[in-house]
Amino acid sequence: MQNWKRTFAILWTGQFISIITSSLVNFAVMLWLSIEYDSAVILANSAIAGFLPQAILGLFSGVYVDQWNRKLTMMLADGFIALCTLAISLLFYFGEPQVFLIYVLLALRSAGSAFHMPAMQASIPLLAPEDQLLRISGINQTIQSVSTIGGPALGALAITYLDIEHVLLFDVFGAAVAISSLFFIHIPDPEKTAKAAESVFVQIREGVRAVVSKSGMGLLFLFSILVTFFIMPIAILFPLMTLRHFEGGKFEMSVIEVVWGVGMLIGGSALGISNTKMNKVALVNFTYMALGLALAVSGLLSSSQFVIFVVLTGIGGMASSIYYATFNTIIQEKIEPEVLGRVFAMFGSLSLFPSILGLLGIGIFADDLGINLTFILLGGMTALLGVISFFIPKMMGIGRA
């Protein structure tokens, strides 16, 4: 592992270009849908299209990620996403733009991510010393947050001056750069065991056993899944909160996205610099409380208090970044490398299925309850889960060094 810093420098360079172009395209697509249709249901449908394939495939993809060459898996997944995006771009170019094509694009990208994300996350412990994993997760979140800052600004600019089919090509370029960077690094694969020949379902059971055999780990996963269930509908309603309640437009939507990214940057940078020895589960609990309270208070604001909404959004972004980095580090430290692909993929699926159920009720949240009350109720539930977590000794024990 002597050259792990060089390896990560190359890996992060390629991933940064890929992530920022994806962020650009994602925000441009969200802007296009929000302005073109101004519909919570259409935004929810687009989110479901982007989550459902990954949720279904994630139940099985981790088995193959643990068997296949992880570097090649990432390259092929990125290539598949790029080809799908190029195909949708051409369909838009030669035909009338239809929201159905956006759903198809998001679904295909989701299918590729079902293999790329667990392969990437499962590779990290094989590339760096264990005592550096939290710092690396922090730096990963910093890269994500810089992309979250730059992506919306570039996306708003792109969708203002370019047609949607041309905007989509940025994603193709980013994927090409990410694939190219992987040619210059070596990613070791964990030792294959005799279990590689066993059936998919037997290996899935092995992944489940790796989690439940660790005291408190199943509860940690359960609380994270519940938080995702509460947060997902709010995440989808953010654009409409800005448009309807605060009567904003493209600029205000971009500001909210950029500020969320700034918060992520601060959170990720703090972890990357500090390499804190604090109980990691306690840190996760604090992020639940901070994020939940920021969202709940946002729902109490009047339409003239947009500036306060911006500040609370930044706090939410910071809490989100620290949560993702810390939670992933706990998994990478506690779960054996040979089953990490399965664990990350299955956790992704188990998080998404309840979220999809929440999104199916988005019309109830947005139209019947109202966007503000949705922020208050679901944000409050998230903060409450953070408080409850402190009183579960088995779960708190996982986070100790």
Foldseek 3Di string as FASTA:
>chain_A
DVCLVVLVVLLLVLVLLLLLLVLQLVLLVLQCCCVVPVDLLLLLLLVCLLQVLLLVCLLQLLLVLLVDFLLVLQLVLLVQLLVLLLVLLVVVVVDPDDSVSSSVSSNSNNNSCSNNVLSVLLQVPQRDPLLCLLLVLLVVLLSNLVSLQNNLVSNLVCSVPHPSSVSSNSNSVSSVSSSVSSVPDDGDRDDDDPCSPPDSVVLLVVLVCLQVVQFQSVVVLVLLLLLLLLCLLLVSCVVVCCCPQLVDHSVLSSLLSNLLSLLSNVLSVCSNPPSDQPQLLLLLLVLLQLLLVLLQVLLVDHSVPSVSNSVSSSSNSNSVNSNVSSVSSLLNNRGDSSSSSSNVSNSSSSSSVSNSVSSVCSCCCPPVCHSSNSSNVSSVVSSVSSVVSVVPVRNSVSRHD
